Amino acid sequence: MLVGVFCALAYMTKYLFLPSIPLLIGLWWLIPLIKKDLKGKSIWQKLRLPDLAAVTAGFFAIYTPWLFYAHYSGISVGEAMGLSCVSSYAENISSAEFHFSGAATEGPNFDSLVLWVTAYSSYFVLVLAPFLSILYMYFRLLFSKKEGISFREKLFFVSLITFSIGYFLLAVQHSWGADYNYPVPQYVIGRYLMHLTPLYCIATVVALFKLSNHISSLKCYSIFIISLVALILVCAAQRILFGQAIWKLPELFACLNCNSPDSLIYMKKVALWAVLTVIFLIGISLFAGRRNKDFSRRFMVQIIAGLLIFFQFSVFCNICLSTMTHGVWMLHPRRLAPILKHDIDNGVASIALLYDIPDLESDSLSNSLVFWGVPQNRFSVLAIGEQTKNIHDNAKRYLLSGAHYDNMQALYSYDVDDKKYYLYDTN
């Protein structure tokens, strides 16, 4: 039952978890059919139907109240389950024209499908770049009958591949069917895949120790070829996403920090050369370990692990620096939101907030006000000097400033980072 409860909670936390539910429950349910230690038992005993019923009951016990709440709040079941956008994607995809017509197209077609499959494949290659050669060599062992690999280990890797394929198809489907990607493709959404990276880190640790125990099973020429292929794949992926190798893609196509924080480092050549160096040194270490058993036993794992830890830690620091909010601008909308909400609740139809603070950005301030509960369609935010043609004539106008004007009376003042700011009514 707890499996169902946690699946429901995870699904309510983020709709993106939906593809994982059938995969997780399916794997849990079907394992007994292939597990050797359950041989001799009947099919009904293996299927554990009472346990499956308990999981289902646990899921609906948590999720059903949410559906009732959504229904009585005027939200459709599709919207409550995060399926509202699926129909529009499906409609776009069903009307796709399957012919080549260049990167800029009016709607989904075969050319745009190839573009998105290639883009997400390239993204995946770059994110997993330092792991590629190790994982590929491990899969050679995994699918060979020479080396014994436990059932649990095989199940982990099969599950990881299944999850990867599922979320890869989900990401491609989203970008291929989204209206905003036409006529010009805008960006990949790497966050649909980035939660798989920790699982691949674990998989690489498992693979590395397995390779160290079976290094003699690898051929020297195989190590050379696999390392070379990994180097070529990484270079090709970087050129596709950042070098306009095939399509003329937008400059920020794969490096928006809110969408793909783990690939934006590769827009810098130094990051590309760094990961290529790591792949090369991993290949050298594996080659040396294959040729010298003493090196394999004493140094190989430590050297490769050190390279991977150093590189991934550097990537993690870069992600933190690029995604963490800098400055104190986010404190402004929190202070302003109660005033704007009070006006709207008291019948003000539209609000125009102008500001003359250099560190603020209109989009960031607007999005943050929405986060704090101000209706998005009831206000606009503009810096002094921006065009005001989109402001309604009857909009209530405010000026946010860090300066105190004697000829205007401040309706509200607050401190941010030991500096005082004033809100003026300019109507």
Foldseek 3Di string as FASTA:
>chain_A
DVLLQVLLVVCQVDLLSVVVVCLVVVCVQCVLVPDPVNPPDDPCVSRPVVVVVVSVVNNCVPNVVQQVVCVVVVHHPCVSSVNPCVVQLVVQVVPEDADDDAQFDAGFYVNVLVLLLLLLVLLVLQLCLLLQLLVVVLVVVVPDPPDDDDPVLNSLVVSLVVVQVSLSVVQSSCQRRDNVPHRPHAAGQCVSPVVSSVSVVVVSVVSLVVCLVVLLVDDLVSLVVSLVVSLVSNVVSLCVQQVCPDHDHDNCHQQDLVGHLLNNVSNDVVLSVLSNVLSVVLSVLSSVCNVDVVSSVPPSSVVNVVSVVVSVVVSVVSSCVNPPDDDFQLVVLVVCLVVLVVCVVVPQQAAEEEEADVVDDQVVSLVSSVVVPRDSVRYGYYYPPDDPPPPDPSHFYKYKYQDDDPVFDFPDWDDDPNGIIGITGPD
